Amino acid sequence: MQMSLINTVLDTCRSLARAVMHYVAIILDRVSSGHITANTVTLVSLLGHVYIAYLIAARHPLWAGALLIVFGLMDTLDGELARLQKRASSAGMLLDASTDRIKEVLLFVGAAAFYVKLGYPNVAVWAVAACGASLLVPFIKAKGETAVKDSHLTPNEINRLFGGGIASYEIRVTLFIIGLFTSLLPEMLIIITILSSITAANRLISITRKL
């Protein structure tokens, strides 16, 4: 029951974000006469996360959190722009998924550097653990897709199979942002580690059972 409610809230938030970013994509496309593409937005977002990681390491969590919200929305904007311009492609999806992983690594590296500078290496260890657990979630999805590509499963079944778990990319980033704004980043890193590990395990079990 609780999981169903959480999924409903997440779906509502995603729909709202997509609706807003759809209008932003229309404006951006018109202003640039179609010269700004989804890949451009994806790469700009990646560069923005480099600066965000620097801000975290330099002990400016509030500024980092604010920019993370802005650049986080660009993860939705690039998809909306690609669909609007009819330029959605497998190469674009690969770039988007790959840069998402790089951005996560940057955030956790920034957090680890932040706590090392403060003299709290034990917290920095949790940043490393959160990074590893977070990367496990999409890794298992990718390997699972490869494993079942020749199976009898339909695309919809595969999508449902790999979409399970509470610690999606959006949730992990949201928890990180909450940590930056509330000075509860150590607790958020622990929660991200635990939830990501559970999500990865659940996906692995679900895929194994289907195979």
N, C-alpha and C. Protein backbone atom coordinates (compact mmCIF):
# COMPACT_ATOMS: atom_id res chain seq x y z
N MET A 1 0.84 -1.20 0.00
CA MET A 1 0.00 0.00 0.00
C MET A 1 0.87 1.26 0.00
N GLN A 2 1.86 1.31 0.89
CA GLN A 2 2.75 2.46 0.97
C GLN A 2 3.56 2.60 -0.31
N MET A 3 4.03 1.48 -0.86
CA MET A 3 4.81 1.51 -2.09
C MET A 3 3.96 2.02 -3.25
N SER A 4 2.69 1.61 -3.27
CA SER A 4 1.78 2.06 -4.32
C SER A 4 1.57 3.57 -4.24
N LEU A 5 1.43 4.09 -3.02
CA LEU A 5 1.25 5.52 -2.82
C LEU A 5 2.48 6.29 -3.27
N ILE A 6 3.65 5.76 -2.92
CA ILE A 6 4.91 6.41 -3.31
C ILE A 6 5.03 6.46 -4.84
N ASN A 7 4.69 5.35 -5.50
CA ASN A 7 4.76 5.30 -6.96
C ASN A 7 3.80 6.29 -7.59
N THR A 8 2.61 6.42 -6.98
CA THR A 8 1.62 7.37 -7.49
C THR A 8 2.14 8.81 -7.40
N VAL A 9 2.74 9.14 -6.25
CA VAL A 9 3.30 10.48 -6.05
C VAL A 9 4.43 10.74 -7.04
N LEU A 10 5.29 9.73 -7.23
CA LEU A 10 6.40 9.87 -8.16
C LEU A 10 5.91 10.08 -9.58
N ASP A 11 4.90 9.31 -9.98
CA ASP A 11 4.35 9.44 -11.33
C ASP A 11 3.75 10.83 -11.54
N THR A 12 3.09 11.34 -10.50
CA THR A 12 2.49 12.68 -10.58
C THR A 12 3.57 13.74 -10.73
N CYS A 13 4.63 13.62 -9.96
CA CYS A 13 5.74 14.58 -10.03
C CYS A 13 6.42 14.53 -11.39
N ARG A 14 6.60 13.32 -11.91
CA ARG A 14 7.22 13.18 -13.24
C ARG A 14 6.36 13.81 -14.31
N SER A 15 5.05 13.58 -14.24
CA SER A 15 4.13 14.14 -15.23
C SER A 15 4.14 15.66 -15.18
N LEU A 16 4.18 16.21 -13.97
CA LEU A 16 4.21 17.67 -13.81
C LEU A 16 5.50 18.24 -14.38
N ALA A 17 6.62 17.59 -14.06
CA ALA A 17 7.92 18.07 -14.56
C ALA A 17 7.97 18.01 -16.08
N ARG A 18 7.43 16.93 -16.65
CA ARG A 18 7.43 16.80 -18.11
C ARG A 18 6.55 17.86 -18.77
N ALA A 19 5.42 18.16 -18.13
CA ALA A 19 4.51 19.17 -18.69
C ALA A 19 5.20 20.54 -18.71
N VAL A 20 5.87 20.89 -17.61
CA VAL A 20 6.56 22.19 -17.54
C VAL A 20 7.71 22.23 -18.53
N MET A 21 8.51 21.17 -18.57
CA MET A 21 9.67 21.13 -19.45
C MET A 21 9.27 21.06 -20.92
N HIS A 22 8.07 20.56 -21.20
CA HIS A 22 7.58 20.53 -22.58
C HIS A 22 7.43 21.96 -23.11
N TYR A 23 6.86 22.84 -22.29
CA TYR A 23 6.70 24.24 -22.70
C TYR A 23 8.05 24.95 -22.77
N VAL A 24 8.95 24.60 -21.86
CA VAL A 24 10.30 25.18 -21.91
C VAL A 24 11.00 24.74 -23.20
N ALA A 25 10.80 23.47 -23.58
CA ALA A 25 11.40 22.95 -24.81
C ALA A 25 10.87 23.69 -26.04
N ILE A 26 9.58 23.98 -26.04
CA ILE A 26 8.98 24.72 -27.16
C ILE A 26 9.61 26.10 -27.29
N ILE A 27 9.73 26.79 -26.16
CA ILE A 27 10.33 28.13 -26.16
C ILE A 27 11.78 28.08 -26.61
N LEU A 28 12.53 27.12 -26.06
CA LEU A 28 13.96 26.99 -26.39
C LEU A 28 14.15 26.67 -27.86
N ASP A 29 13.29 25.83 -28.40
CA ASP A 29 13.38 25.45 -29.81
C ASP A 29 13.10 26.65 -30.71
N ARG A 30 12.10 27.45 -30.34
CA ARG A 30 11.75 28.62 -31.14
C ARG A 30 12.83 29.69 -31.07
N VAL A 31 13.32 29.96 -29.87
CA VAL A 31 14.34 31.00 -29.69
C VAL A 31 15.63 30.66 -30.44
N SER A 32 16.00 29.38 -30.43
CA SER A 32 17.25 28.95 -31.07
C SER A 32 17.05 28.52 -32.51
N SER A 33 15.81 28.58 -32.99
CA SER A 33 15.49 28.13 -34.36
C SER A 33 15.91 26.67 -34.58
N GLY A 34 15.81 25.88 -33.52
CA GLY A 34 16.12 24.45 -33.64
C GLY A 34 17.59 24.11 -33.55
N HIS A 35 18.44 25.13 -33.30
CA HIS A 35 19.89 24.86 -33.25
C HIS A 35 20.33 24.24 -31.92
N ILE A 36 19.57 24.48 -30.86
CA ILE A 36 19.88 23.83 -29.58
C ILE A 36 19.18 22.48 -29.55
N THR A 37 19.96 21.42 -29.49
CA THR A 37 19.41 20.06 -29.54
C THR A 37 19.39 19.43 -28.15
N ALA A 38 18.77 18.27 -28.07
CA ALA A 38 18.72 17.54 -26.80
C ALA A 38 20.12 17.18 -26.32
N ASN A 39 21.00 16.80 -27.24
CA ASN A 39 22.36 16.45 -26.86
C ASN A 39 23.11 17.65 -26.28
N THR A 40 22.81 18.84 -26.81
CA THR A 40 23.42 20.06 -26.29
C THR A 40 23.00 20.27 -24.83
N VAL A 41 21.71 20.10 -24.57
CA VAL A 41 21.19 20.25 -23.21
C VAL A 41 21.82 19.22 -22.28
N THR A 42 21.96 17.99 -22.76
CA THR A 42 22.56 16.92 -21.95
C THR A 42 23.99 17.26 -21.56
N LEU A 43 24.77 17.76 -22.52
CA LEU A 43 26.17 18.09 -22.25
C LEU A 43 26.31 19.31 -21.35
N VAL A 44 25.42 20.30 -21.53
CA VAL A 44 25.43 21.47 -20.65
C VAL A 44 25.12 21.06 -19.21
N SER A 45 24.16 20.15 -19.07
CA SER A 45 23.81 19.63 -17.74
C SER A 45 25.00 18.93 -17.10
N LEU A 46 25.74 18.17 -17.90
CA LEU A 46 26.93 17.47 -17.39
C LEU A 46 27.97 18.48 -16.90
N LEU A 47 28.22 19.51 -17.69
CA LEU A 47 29.19 20.53 -17.28
C LEU A 47 28.71 21.25 -16.02
N GLY A 48 27.41 21.46 -15.92
CA GLY A 48 26.86 22.10 -14.73
C GLY A 48 27.11 21.27 -13.49
N HIS A 49 27.05 19.96 -13.63
CA HIS A 49 27.28 19.07 -12.49
C HIS A 49 28.75 19.08 -12.07
N VAL A 50 29.65 19.37 -13.00
CA VAL A 50 31.06 19.51 -12.63
C VAL A 50 31.22 20.68 -11.65
N TYR A 51 30.55 21.77 -11.98
CA TYR A 51 30.60 22.95 -11.11
C TYR A 51 29.90 22.69 -9.78
N ILE A 52 28.80 21.95 -9.83
CA ILE A 52 28.07 21.61 -8.60
C ILE A 52 28.95 20.78 -7.67
N ALA A 53 29.67 19.83 -8.24
CA ALA A 53 30.58 19.01 -7.44
C ALA A 53 31.66 19.87 -6.79
N TYR A 54 32.14 20.86 -7.55
CA TYR A 54 33.13 21.79 -6.99
C TYR A 54 32.54 22.57 -5.82
N LEU A 55 31.29 23.05 -5.98
CA LEU A 55 30.64 23.82 -4.92
C LEU A 55 30.47 22.98 -3.66
N ILE A 56 30.14 21.71 -3.83
CA ILE A 56 29.98 20.83 -2.67
C ILE A 56 31.33 20.66 -1.96
N ALA A 57 32.36 20.37 -2.74
CA ALA A 57 33.69 20.18 -2.16
C ALA A 57 34.20 21.46 -1.50
N ALA A 58 33.78 22.63 -2.05
CA ALA A 58 34.23 23.92 -1.52
C ALA A 58 33.35 24.42 -0.39
N ARG A 59 32.45 23.58 0.09
CA ARG A 59 31.58 23.88 1.23
C ARG A 59 30.54 24.98 0.94
N HIS A 60 29.89 24.85 -0.19
CA HIS A 60 28.79 25.76 -0.53
C HIS A 60 27.55 24.90 -0.85
N PRO A 61 27.04 24.16 0.14
CA PRO A 61 25.96 23.22 -0.12
C PRO A 61 24.65 23.85 -0.61
N LEU A 62 24.32 25.04 -0.14
CA LEU A 62 23.06 25.67 -0.54
C LEU A 62 23.07 26.06 -2.02
N TRP A 63 24.17 26.65 -2.45
CA TRP A 63 24.30 26.98 -3.87
C TRP A 63 24.32 25.71 -4.71
N ALA A 64 24.98 24.69 -4.22
CA ALA A 64 25.03 23.42 -4.94
C ALA A 64 23.64 22.81 -5.06
N GLY A 65 22.87 22.86 -3.98
CA GLY A 65 21.52 22.32 -4.01
C GLY A 65 20.62 23.06 -4.97
N ALA A 66 20.73 24.40 -4.98
CA ALA A 66 19.90 25.21 -5.88
C ALA A 66 20.22 24.90 -7.35
N LEU A 67 21.51 24.82 -7.67
CA LEU A 67 21.89 24.52 -9.05
C LEU A 67 21.55 23.09 -9.43
N LEU A 68 21.58 22.20 -8.46
CA LEU A 68 21.25 20.80 -8.74
C LEU A 68 19.78 20.66 -9.15
N ILE A 69 18.93 21.48 -8.55
CA ILE A 69 17.52 21.48 -8.95
C ILE A 69 17.38 21.94 -10.40
N VAL A 70 18.08 23.04 -10.73
CA VAL A 70 18.01 23.59 -12.08
C VAL A 70 18.52 22.60 -13.12
N PHE A 71 19.72 22.10 -12.89
CA PHE A 71 20.31 21.19 -13.86
C PHE A 71 19.65 19.81 -13.82
N GLY A 72 19.03 19.47 -12.68
CA GLY A 72 18.30 18.22 -12.60
C GLY A 72 17.09 18.22 -13.52
N LEU A 73 16.44 19.38 -13.63
CA LEU A 73 15.28 19.49 -14.52
C LEU A 73 15.68 19.33 -15.99
N MET A 74 16.94 19.58 -16.28
CA MET A 74 17.41 19.44 -17.66
C MET A 74 17.42 17.99 -18.10
N ASP A 75 17.39 17.06 -17.13
CA ASP A 75 17.28 15.64 -17.48
C ASP A 75 15.94 15.34 -18.12
N THR A 76 14.93 16.12 -17.79
CA THR A 76 13.63 15.99 -18.41
C THR A 76 13.55 16.83 -19.68
N LEU A 77 14.20 17.99 -19.66
CA LEU A 77 14.16 18.90 -20.79
C LEU A 77 14.76 18.28 -22.05
N ASP A 78 15.87 17.57 -21.91
CA ASP A 78 16.51 17.01 -23.11
C ASP A 78 15.60 15.99 -23.81
N GLY A 79 14.89 15.20 -23.01
CA GLY A 79 13.97 14.23 -23.60
C GLY A 79 12.81 14.90 -24.31
N GLU A 80 12.25 15.93 -23.68
CA GLU A 80 11.14 16.67 -24.29
C GLU A 80 11.59 17.36 -25.57
N LEU A 81 12.79 17.91 -25.56
CA LEU A 81 13.32 18.60 -26.74
C LEU A 81 13.57 17.62 -27.88
N ALA A 82 14.06 16.42 -27.55
CA ALA A 82 14.31 15.41 -28.57
C ALA A 82 13.02 14.97 -29.24
N ARG A 83 11.97 14.80 -28.43
CA ARG A 83 10.68 14.40 -29.00
C ARG A 83 10.07 15.53 -29.82
N LEU A 84 10.20 16.76 -29.34
CA LEU A 84 9.66 17.90 -30.06
C LEU A 84 10.31 18.07 -31.43
N GLN A 85 11.64 17.90 -31.47
CA GLN A 85 12.39 18.07 -32.71
C GLN A 85 12.44 16.79 -33.54
N LYS A 86 11.80 15.74 -33.02
CA LYS A 86 11.79 14.43 -33.69
C LYS A 86 13.21 13.94 -33.96
N ARG A 87 14.06 14.11 -32.94
CA ARG A 87 15.45 13.68 -33.05
C ARG A 87 15.80 12.61 -32.02
N ALA A 88 14.79 12.01 -31.43
CA ALA A 88 15.06 10.95 -30.46
C ALA A 88 15.77 9.79 -31.15
N SER A 89 16.82 9.30 -30.52
CA SER A 89 17.61 8.23 -31.13
C SER A 89 18.26 7.38 -30.05
N SER A 90 18.73 6.21 -30.45
CA SER A 90 19.42 5.32 -29.53
C SER A 90 20.72 5.94 -29.05
N ALA A 91 21.39 6.67 -29.95
CA ALA A 91 22.64 7.34 -29.58
C ALA A 91 22.38 8.40 -28.50
N GLY A 92 21.28 9.13 -28.65
CA GLY A 92 20.92 10.13 -27.66
C GLY A 92 20.60 9.51 -26.32
N MET A 93 19.89 8.37 -26.35
CA MET A 93 19.56 7.66 -25.11
C MET A 93 20.82 7.17 -24.43
N LEU A 94 21.79 6.70 -25.22
CA LEU A 94 23.06 6.23 -24.65
C LEU A 94 23.81 7.38 -24.00
N LEU A 95 23.85 8.52 -24.68
CA LEU A 95 24.53 9.69 -24.12
C LEU A 95 23.86 10.14 -22.83
N ASP A 96 22.54 10.17 -22.82
CA ASP A 96 21.79 10.61 -21.65
C ASP A 96 22.04 9.69 -20.46
N ALA A 97 21.95 8.37 -20.70
CA ALA A 97 22.16 7.40 -19.62
C ALA A 97 23.60 7.44 -19.10
N SER A 98 24.55 7.59 -20.01
CA SER A 98 25.96 7.61 -19.61
C SER A 98 26.29 8.86 -18.80
N THR A 99 25.79 10.02 -19.25
CA THR A 99 26.08 11.26 -18.51
C THR A 99 25.38 11.27 -17.15
N ASP A 100 24.24 10.61 -17.04
CA ASP A 100 23.58 10.51 -15.73
C ASP A 100 24.48 9.81 -14.73
N ARG A 101 25.14 8.75 -15.18
CA ARG A 101 26.04 8.03 -14.28
C ARG A 101 27.25 8.89 -13.92
N ILE A 102 27.78 9.62 -14.90
CA ILE A 102 28.92 10.50 -14.62
C ILE A 102 28.53 11.57 -13.61
N LYS A 103 27.32 12.12 -13.77
CA LYS A 103 26.85 13.17 -12.86
C LYS A 103 26.71 12.64 -11.44
N GLU A 104 26.23 11.42 -11.30
CA GLU A 104 26.13 10.84 -9.95
C GLU A 104 27.50 10.70 -9.32
N VAL A 105 28.45 10.20 -10.10
CA VAL A 105 29.81 10.04 -9.58
C VAL A 105 30.37 11.39 -9.15
N LEU A 106 30.14 12.42 -9.95
CA LEU A 106 30.63 13.76 -9.61
C LEU A 106 30.06 14.25 -8.28
N LEU A 107 28.75 14.03 -8.08
CA LEU A 107 28.11 14.48 -6.84
C LEU A 107 28.70 13.78 -5.62
N PHE A 108 28.89 12.47 -5.73
CA PHE A 108 29.41 11.73 -4.59
C PHE A 108 30.89 12.02 -4.34
N VAL A 109 31.63 12.28 -5.41
CA VAL A 109 33.03 12.68 -5.24
C VAL A 109 33.10 14.03 -4.52
N GLY A 110 32.21 14.94 -4.91
CA GLY A 110 32.15 16.23 -4.24
C GLY A 110 31.84 16.08 -2.76
N ALA A 111 30.88 15.19 -2.46
CA ALA A 111 30.50 14.95 -1.06
C ALA A 111 31.66 14.33 -0.28
N ALA A 112 32.34 13.39 -0.89
CA ALA A 112 33.48 12.74 -0.22
C ALA A 112 34.58 13.76 0.07
N ALA A 113 34.87 14.62 -0.91
CA ALA A 113 35.90 15.65 -0.72
C ALA A 113 35.49 16.62 0.38
N PHE A 114 34.21 16.95 0.43
CA PHE A 114 33.68 17.86 1.44
C PHE A 114 33.96 17.35 2.85
N TYR A 115 33.67 16.06 3.07
CA TYR A 115 33.82 15.52 4.42
C TYR A 115 35.27 15.16 4.75
N VAL A 116 36.08 14.89 3.75
CA VAL A 116 37.50 14.68 4.00
C VAL A 116 38.13 15.99 4.49
N LYS A 117 37.75 17.10 3.82
CA LYS A 117 38.26 18.41 4.23
C LYS A 117 37.82 18.78 5.64
N LEU A 118 36.61 18.35 6.01
CA LEU A 118 36.10 18.66 7.34
C LEU A 118 36.71 17.75 8.41
N GLY A 119 37.41 16.71 7.98
CA GLY A 119 38.01 15.77 8.92
C GLY A 119 37.07 14.67 9.37
N TYR A 120 36.11 14.31 8.49
CA TYR A 120 35.18 13.23 8.80
C TYR A 120 35.29 12.13 7.74
N PRO A 121 36.38 11.37 7.75
CA PRO A 121 36.58 10.33 6.73
C PRO A 121 35.51 9.24 6.77
N ASN A 122 34.92 9.00 7.95
CA ASN A 122 33.88 7.97 8.04
C ASN A 122 32.66 8.34 7.20
N VAL A 123 32.33 9.62 7.16
CA VAL A 123 31.21 10.07 6.33
C VAL A 123 31.58 9.98 4.85
N ALA A 124 32.84 10.29 4.54
CA ALA A 124 33.31 10.19 3.16
C ALA A 124 33.18 8.76 2.64
N VAL A 125 33.37 7.79 3.54
CA VAL A 125 33.22 6.38 3.16
C VAL A 125 31.78 6.10 2.73
N TRP A 126 30.81 6.72 3.41
CA TRP A 126 29.41 6.55 3.04
C TRP A 126 29.13 7.16 1.67
N ALA A 127 29.83 8.22 1.31
CA ALA A 127 29.67 8.80 -0.02
C ALA A 127 30.13 7.80 -1.08
N VAL A 128 31.23 7.12 -0.79
CA VAL A 128 31.74 6.09 -1.71
C VAL A 128 30.75 4.93 -1.80
N ALA A 129 30.22 4.51 -0.65
CA ALA A 129 29.25 3.41 -0.63
C ALA A 129 27.98 3.78 -1.38
N ALA A 130 27.51 5.02 -1.19
CA ALA A 130 26.31 5.48 -1.88
C ALA A 130 26.52 5.52 -3.39
N CYS A 131 27.71 5.93 -3.80
CA CYS A 131 28.04 5.97 -5.21
C CYS A 131 28.01 4.56 -5.81
N GLY A 132 28.66 3.63 -5.15
CA GLY A 132 28.69 2.25 -5.64
C GLY A 132 27.31 1.62 -5.71
N ALA A 133 26.51 1.81 -4.65
CA ALA A 133 25.16 1.23 -4.62
C ALA A 133 24.28 1.86 -5.68
N SER A 134 24.42 3.17 -5.89
CA SER A 134 23.62 3.86 -6.90
C SER A 134 23.93 3.36 -8.29
N LEU A 135 25.20 3.13 -8.58
CA LEU A 135 25.60 2.64 -9.90
C LEU A 135 25.14 1.21 -10.15
N LEU A 136 24.94 0.45 -9.07
CA LEU A 136 24.46 -0.92 -9.21
C LEU A 136 23.06 -0.98 -9.82
N VAL A 137 22.22 0.01 -9.48
CA VAL A 137 20.83 -0.01 -9.94
C VAL A 137 20.74 0.01 -11.47
N PRO A 138 21.34 1.00 -12.16
CA PRO A 138 21.28 0.99 -13.63
C PRO A 138 22.13 -0.11 -14.25
N PHE A 139 23.20 -0.54 -13.55
CA PHE A 139 24.04 -1.60 -14.09
C PHE A 139 23.25 -2.90 -14.22
N ILE A 140 22.51 -3.24 -13.18
CA ILE A 140 21.71 -4.47 -13.22
C ILE A 140 20.63 -4.36 -14.29
N LYS A 141 20.06 -3.16 -14.45
CA LYS A 141 19.06 -2.96 -15.49
C LYS A 141 19.66 -3.21 -16.87
N ALA A 142 20.84 -2.63 -17.10
CA ALA A 142 21.49 -2.79 -18.40
C ALA A 142 21.85 -4.24 -18.69
N LYS A 143 22.43 -4.92 -17.69
CA LYS A 143 22.79 -6.32 -17.87
C LYS A 143 21.54 -7.19 -18.03
N GLY A 144 20.48 -6.83 -17.32
CA GLY A 144 19.24 -7.57 -17.44
C GLY A 144 18.63 -7.45 -18.81
N GLU A 145 18.68 -6.25 -19.39
CA GLU A 145 18.16 -6.04 -20.73
C GLU A 145 18.91 -6.90 -21.74
N THR A 146 20.21 -6.99 -21.54
CA THR A 146 21.02 -7.84 -22.43
C THR A 146 20.65 -9.31 -22.26
N ALA A 147 20.41 -9.72 -21.03
CA ALA A 147 20.13 -11.13 -20.74
C ALA A 147 18.79 -11.58 -21.31
N VAL A 148 17.81 -10.68 -21.35
CA VAL A 148 16.46 -11.10 -21.77
C VAL A 148 16.11 -10.65 -23.18
N LYS A 149 17.05 -10.08 -23.90
CA LYS A 149 16.73 -9.51 -25.21
C LYS A 149 16.22 -10.58 -26.20
N ASP A 150 16.65 -11.82 -26.01
CA ASP A 150 16.20 -12.90 -26.90
C ASP A 150 15.14 -13.78 -26.25
N SER A 151 14.57 -13.29 -25.14
CA SER A 151 13.57 -14.08 -24.43
C SER A 151 12.19 -13.85 -25.04
N HIS A 152 11.19 -14.48 -24.44
CA HIS A 152 9.81 -14.38 -24.92
C HIS A 152 9.10 -13.15 -24.37
N LEU A 153 9.77 -12.36 -23.54
CA LEU A 153 9.13 -11.22 -22.91
C LEU A 153 8.84 -10.11 -23.92
N THR A 154 7.71 -9.44 -23.74
CA THR A 154 7.34 -8.31 -24.58
C THR A 154 8.04 -7.05 -24.07
N PRO A 155 8.15 -5.99 -24.90
CA PRO A 155 8.77 -4.74 -24.43
C PRO A 155 8.12 -4.19 -23.17
N ASN A 156 6.79 -4.28 -23.06
CA ASN A 156 6.10 -3.77 -21.87
C ASN A 156 6.48 -4.57 -20.63
N GLU A 157 6.60 -5.89 -20.80
CA GLU A 157 6.99 -6.73 -19.67
C GLU A 157 8.41 -6.42 -19.23
N ILE A 158 9.30 -6.19 -20.19
CA ILE A 158 10.68 -5.85 -19.86
C ILE A 158 10.74 -4.51 -19.14
N ASN A 159 9.95 -3.55 -19.59
CA ASN A 159 9.92 -2.23 -18.97
C ASN A 159 9.47 -2.31 -17.51
N ARG A 160 8.41 -3.10 -17.26
CA ARG A 160 7.92 -3.26 -15.89
C ARG A 160 8.94 -4.01 -15.04
N LEU A 161 9.60 -4.97 -15.64
CA LEU A 161 10.57 -5.79 -14.92
C LEU A 161 11.74 -4.96 -14.42
N PHE A 162 12.19 -4.00 -15.24
CA PHE A 162 13.36 -3.21 -14.90
C PHE A 162 13.02 -1.88 -14.23
N GLY A 163 11.73 -1.57 -14.09
CA GLY A 163 11.36 -0.29 -13.53
C GLY A 163 11.07 -0.33 -12.04
N GLY A 164 11.23 -1.47 -11.42
CA GLY A 164 10.88 -1.60 -10.02
C GLY A 164 11.91 -0.99 -9.08
N GLY A 165 11.47 -0.82 -7.83
CA GLY A 165 12.39 -0.31 -6.81
C GLY A 165 12.16 1.16 -6.50
N ILE A 166 12.39 1.52 -5.27
CA ILE A 166 12.12 2.89 -4.84
C ILE A 166 13.26 3.84 -5.17
N ALA A 167 14.49 3.33 -5.24
CA ALA A 167 15.65 4.22 -5.40
C ALA A 167 15.97 4.46 -6.87
N SER A 168 15.04 5.10 -7.58
CA SER A 168 15.30 5.48 -8.96
C SER A 168 16.28 6.65 -8.98
N TYR A 169 16.75 7.01 -10.16
CA TYR A 169 17.70 8.11 -10.29
C TYR A 169 17.12 9.41 -9.71
N GLU A 170 15.85 9.68 -10.00
CA GLU A 170 15.22 10.90 -9.49
C GLU A 170 15.18 10.92 -7.97
N ILE A 171 14.87 9.77 -7.36
CA ILE A 171 14.80 9.68 -5.90
C ILE A 171 16.18 9.88 -5.28
N ARG A 172 17.18 9.29 -5.89
CA ARG A 172 18.54 9.43 -5.34
C ARG A 172 18.98 10.90 -5.36
N VAL A 173 18.72 11.56 -6.47
CA VAL A 173 19.10 12.97 -6.58
C VAL A 173 18.29 13.83 -5.61
N THR A 174 17.00 13.52 -5.47
CA THR A 174 16.15 14.27 -4.54
C THR A 174 16.65 14.14 -3.11
N LEU A 175 17.02 12.94 -2.71
CA LEU A 175 17.56 12.74 -1.37
C LEU A 175 18.86 13.51 -1.17
N PHE A 176 19.67 13.54 -2.21
CA PHE A 176 20.93 14.28 -2.16
C PHE A 176 20.66 15.78 -1.98
N ILE A 177 19.68 16.29 -2.72
CA ILE A 177 19.32 17.71 -2.61
C ILE A 177 18.82 18.04 -1.21
N ILE A 178 17.98 17.16 -0.66
CA ILE A 178 17.47 17.35 0.70
C ILE A 178 18.65 17.43 1.68
N GLY A 179 19.62 16.57 1.49
CA GLY A 179 20.80 16.57 2.35
C GLY A 179 21.58 17.87 2.27
N LEU A 180 21.69 18.43 1.07
CA LEU A 180 22.42 19.68 0.89
C LEU A 180 21.71 20.85 1.57
N PHE A 181 20.39 20.87 1.51
CA PHE A 181 19.64 21.99 2.07
C PHE A 181 19.42 21.89 3.57
N THR A 182 19.51 20.69 4.12
CA THR A 182 19.17 20.50 5.53
C THR A 182 20.35 20.16 6.41
N SER A 183 21.54 20.10 5.85
CA SER A 183 22.73 19.68 6.59
C SER A 183 22.61 18.23 7.08
N LEU A 184 21.74 17.47 6.44
CA LEU A 184 21.57 16.05 6.78
C LEU A 184 22.16 15.16 5.69
N LEU A 185 23.16 15.67 4.99
CA LEU A 185 23.75 14.90 3.90
C LEU A 185 24.32 13.56 4.36
N PRO A 186 24.99 13.49 5.53
CA PRO A 186 25.48 12.17 5.97
C PRO A 186 24.36 11.14 6.09
N GLU A 187 23.23 11.58 6.68
CA GLU A 187 22.08 10.66 6.82
C GLU A 187 21.51 10.29 5.46
N MET A 188 21.48 11.26 4.54
CA MET A 188 20.95 10.99 3.21
C MET A 188 21.85 10.02 2.45
N LEU A 189 23.16 10.13 2.66
CA LEU A 189 24.10 9.20 2.00
C LEU A 189 23.86 7.77 2.48
N ILE A 190 23.60 7.63 3.77
CA ILE A 190 23.31 6.31 4.31
C ILE A 190 22.00 5.76 3.74
N ILE A 191 20.98 6.61 3.67
CA ILE A 191 19.69 6.20 3.13
C ILE A 191 19.81 5.82 1.66
N ILE A 192 20.56 6.63 0.90
CA ILE A 192 20.77 6.32 -0.52
C ILE A 192 21.45 4.97 -0.68
N THR A 193 22.44 4.71 0.16
CA THR A 193 23.15 3.43 0.10
C THR A 193 22.21 2.26 0.37
N ILE A 194 21.41 2.38 1.40
CA ILE A 194 20.50 1.30 1.78
C ILE A 194 19.42 1.08 0.72
N LEU A 195 18.75 2.16 0.32
CA LEU A 195 17.65 2.04 -0.64
C LEU A 195 18.15 1.56 -2.01
N SER A 196 19.31 2.05 -2.42
CA SER A 196 19.87 1.62 -3.71
C SER A 196 20.24 0.14 -3.67
N SER A 197 20.80 -0.30 -2.55
CA SER A 197 21.16 -1.71 -2.41
C SER A 197 19.92 -2.60 -2.47
N ILE A 198 18.86 -2.16 -1.80
CA ILE A 198 17.60 -2.92 -1.81
C ILE A 198 17.01 -2.96 -3.22
N THR A 199 17.03 -1.81 -3.89
CA THR A 199 16.50 -1.74 -5.25
C THR A 199 17.28 -2.63 -6.20
N ALA A 200 18.60 -2.58 -6.09
CA ALA A 200 19.45 -3.41 -6.95
C ALA A 200 19.18 -4.90 -6.70
N ALA A 201 19.05 -5.27 -5.43
CA ALA A 201 18.78 -6.67 -5.09
C ALA A 201 17.42 -7.12 -5.61
N ASN A 202 16.41 -6.26 -5.45
CA ASN A 202 15.07 -6.60 -5.93
C ASN A 202 15.04 -6.78 -7.44
N ARG A 203 15.74 -5.89 -8.15
CA ARG A 203 15.79 -6.00 -9.61
C ARG A 203 16.51 -7.28 -10.03
N LEU A 204 17.59 -7.59 -9.33
CA LEU A 204 18.34 -8.80 -9.66
C LEU A 204 17.48 -10.04 -9.45
N ILE A 205 16.75 -10.07 -8.35
CA ILE A 205 15.88 -11.22 -8.05
C ILE A 205 14.76 -11.32 -9.10
N SER A 206 14.15 -10.20 -9.44
CA SER A 206 13.05 -10.20 -10.41
C SER A 206 13.52 -10.68 -11.78
N ILE A 207 14.67 -10.18 -12.21
CA ILE A 207 15.20 -10.58 -13.51
C ILE A 207 15.58 -12.05 -13.52
N THR A 208 16.21 -12.50 -12.44
CA THR A 208 16.62 -13.91 -12.35
C THR A 208 15.41 -14.84 -12.40
N ARG A 209 14.35 -14.46 -11.70
CA ARG A 209 13.14 -15.29 -11.72
C ARG A 209 12.53 -15.37 -13.11
N LYS A 210 12.54 -14.25 -13.84
CA LYS A 210 12.00 -14.25 -15.19
C LYS A 210 12.85 -15.10 -16.12
N LEU A 211 14.15 -15.08 -15.91
CA LEU A 211 15.05 -15.88 -16.76
C LEU A 211 14.90 -17.36 -16.45
